[in-house]
Amino acid sequence: MQCAIYKSRKKQDTYLYLAARGDFSRVPEVLLKLLGELIHVMDLDLFPERKLAQEDVADVLRNLRERGWHLQTPQQDEWQGVKH
């Protein structure tokens, strides 16, 4: 599965994966406001055998298929108020 990865300029070490590049329509508005400006970092081909440095690829793939996005944060505690 091809995905696009965006980096938050407002939240350090926070990345938003999208199932379709540039399609933020399924991302909650509150989350977009928290992330601030997003910078496209790269497009990535994900598959079950691929290793990711900080995320479980199965979780990322599931989130992309089910909701169209996945959020990678340095600490989940800060994001408890955001409905996934």
C-alpha atoms as a PDB file:
ATOM      1  CA  MET A   1       0.000   0.000   0.000  1.00  0.00           C
ATOM      2  CA  GLN A   2       1.342   3.402  -0.974  1.00  0.00           C
ATOM      3  CA  CYS A   3       1.071   6.148   1.645  1.00  0.00           C
ATOM      4  CA  ALA A   4       2.210   9.734   2.099  1.00  0.00           C
ATOM      5  CA  ILE A   5       3.948  10.902   5.266  1.00  0.00           C
ATOM      6  CA  TYR A   6       3.689  14.445   6.608  1.00  0.00           C
ATOM      7  CA  LYS A   7       5.675  16.050   9.426  1.00  0.00           C
ATOM      8  CA  SER A   8       4.100  18.503  11.847  1.00  0.00           C
ATOM      9  CA  ARG A   9       5.974  21.804  12.115  1.00  0.00           C
ATOM     10  CA  LYS A  10       4.203  22.473  15.409  1.00  0.00           C
ATOM     11  CA  LYS A  11       4.693  19.121  17.177  1.00  0.00           C
ATOM     12  CA  GLN A  12       8.227  17.746  17.207  1.00  0.00           C
ATOM     13  CA  ASP A  13       8.704  14.132  16.052  1.00  0.00           C
ATOM     14  CA  THR A  14       5.040  13.855  15.052  1.00  0.00           C
ATOM     15  CA  TYR A  15       4.090  12.392  11.676  1.00  0.00           C
ATOM     16  CA  LEU A  16       0.783  11.914   9.908  1.00  0.00           C
ATOM     17  CA  TYR A  17       0.513   9.022   7.432  1.00  0.00           C
ATOM     18  CA  LEU A  18      -2.187   9.360   4.776  1.00  0.00           C
ATOM     19  CA  ALA A  19      -3.607   6.650   2.540  1.00  0.00           C
ATOM     20  CA  ALA A  20      -3.847   9.183  -0.295  1.00  0.00           C
ATOM     21  CA  ARG A  21      -1.381  12.028  -0.729  1.00  0.00           C
ATOM     22  CA  GLY A  22      -2.968  15.372   0.019  1.00  0.00           C
ATOM     23  CA  ASP A  23      -6.305  13.888   1.148  1.00  0.00           C
ATOM     24  CA  PHE A  24      -6.890  15.256   4.651  1.00  0.00           C
ATOM     25  CA  SER A  25     -10.684  14.883   4.379  1.00  0.00           C
ATOM     26  CA  ARG A  26     -10.868  11.952   6.827  1.00  0.00           C
ATOM     27  CA  VAL A  27      -8.507  13.445   9.433  1.00  0.00           C
ATOM     28  CA  PRO A  28     -10.388  15.018  12.380  1.00  0.00           C
ATOM     29  CA  GLU A  29     -10.324  18.812  12.253  1.00  0.00           C
ATOM     30  CA  VAL A  30      -9.181  19.016  15.886  1.00  0.00           C
ATOM     31  CA  LEU A  31      -6.145  16.886  15.048  1.00  0.00           C
ATOM     32  CA  LEU A  32      -5.246  19.030  12.050  1.00  0.00           C
ATOM     33  CA  LYS A  33      -5.403  22.128  14.253  1.00  0.00           C
ATOM     34  CA  LEU A  34      -3.151  20.506  16.864  1.00  0.00           C
ATOM     35  CA  LEU A  35      -0.612  19.500  14.231  1.00  0.00           C
ATOM     36  CA  GLY A  36      -0.494  22.912  12.573  1.00  0.00           C
ATOM     37  CA  GLU A  37       1.301  23.208   9.239  1.00  0.00           C
ATOM     38  CA  LEU A  38       2.140  19.822   7.725  1.00  0.00           C
ATOM     39  CA  ILE A  39       5.154  19.308   5.484  1.00  0.00           C
ATOM     40  CA  HIS A  40       5.225  16.397   3.030  1.00  0.00           C
ATOM     41  CA  VAL A  41       8.258  14.278   3.910  1.00  0.00           C
ATOM     42  CA  MET A  42       7.969  11.270   1.611  1.00  0.00           C
ATOM     43  CA  ASP A  43       5.816   8.684  -0.065  1.00  0.00           C
ATOM     44  CA  LEU A  44       6.339   5.140   1.173  1.00  0.00           C
ATOM     45  CA  ASP A  45       5.270   1.708  -0.001  1.00  0.00           C
ATOM     46  CA  LEU A  46       4.031  -0.263   3.020  1.00  0.00           C
ATOM     47  CA  PHE A  47       3.616  -4.029   3.135  1.00  0.00           C
ATOM     48  CA  PRO A  48       3.318  -6.488   6.060  1.00  0.00           C
ATOM     49  CA  GLU A  49       6.982  -7.538   5.985  1.00  0.00           C
ATOM     50  CA  ARG A  50       8.356  -3.974   5.994  1.00  0.00           C
ATOM     51  CA  LYS A  51      10.041  -2.789   9.176  1.00  0.00           C
ATOM     52  CA  LEU A  52       9.412   0.721  10.440  1.00  0.00           C
ATOM     53  CA  ALA A  53      11.678   2.411  12.975  1.00  0.00           C
ATOM     54  CA  GLN A  54       9.002   3.439  15.472  1.00  0.00           C
ATOM     55  CA  GLU A  55       5.690   1.965  14.375  1.00  0.00           C
ATOM     56  CA  ASP A  56       4.200  -1.489  13.946  1.00  0.00           C
ATOM     57  CA  VAL A  57       3.562  -1.738  10.216  1.00  0.00           C
ATOM     58  CA  ALA A  58       0.438  -3.874  10.818  1.00  0.00           C
ATOM     59  CA  ASP A  59      -1.083  -1.072  12.938  1.00  0.00           C
ATOM     60  CA  VAL A  60      -0.217   1.554  10.338  1.00  0.00           C
ATOM     61  CA  LEU A  61      -1.704  -0.503   7.503  1.00  0.00           C
ATOM     62  CA  ARG A  62      -4.880  -1.208   9.479  1.00  0.00           C
ATOM     63  CA  ASN A  63      -5.348   2.473  10.346  1.00  0.00           C
ATOM     64  CA  LEU A  64      -4.758   3.552   6.750  1.00  0.00           C
ATOM     65  CA  ARG A  65      -7.305   1.040   5.457  1.00  0.00           C
ATOM     66  CA  GLU A  66      -9.932   1.689   8.133  1.00  0.00           C
ATOM     67  CA  ARG A  67      -9.735   5.453   8.568  1.00  0.00           C
ATOM     68  CA  GLY A  68      -7.361   6.758   5.913  1.00  0.00           C
ATOM     69  CA  TRP A  69      -4.690   8.049   8.308  1.00  0.00           C
ATOM     70  CA  HIS A  70      -2.262   7.074  11.067  1.00  0.00           C
ATOM     71  CA  LEU A  71      -0.595   9.312  13.648  1.00  0.00           C
ATOM     72  CA  GLN A  72       2.959   8.685  14.846  1.00  0.00           C
ATOM     73  CA  THR A  73       3.869  10.581  18.021  1.00  0.00           C
ATOM     74  CA  PRO A  74       6.874  10.472  20.342  1.00  0.00           C
ATOM     75  CA  GLN A  75       4.611   9.968  23.381  1.00  0.00           C
ATOM     76  CA  GLN A  76       0.969   8.920  23.212  1.00  0.00           C
ATOM     77  CA  ASP A  77       0.151  10.609  26.568  1.00  0.00           C
ATOM     78  CA  GLU A  78       0.082  14.045  24.939  1.00  0.00           C
ATOM     79  CA  TRP A  79      -2.575  12.905  22.422  1.00  0.00           C
ATOM     80  CA  GLN A  80      -5.109  11.238  24.732  1.00  0.00           C
ATOM     81  CA  GLY A  81      -7.767  13.853  23.971  1.00  0.00           C
ATOM     82  CA  VAL A  82      -7.712  13.194  20.234  1.00  0.00           C
ATOM     83  CA  LYS A  83     -10.232  10.621  19.091  1.00  0.00           C
ATOM     84  CA  HIS A  84      -8.575   8.108  16.760  1.00  0.00           C
END
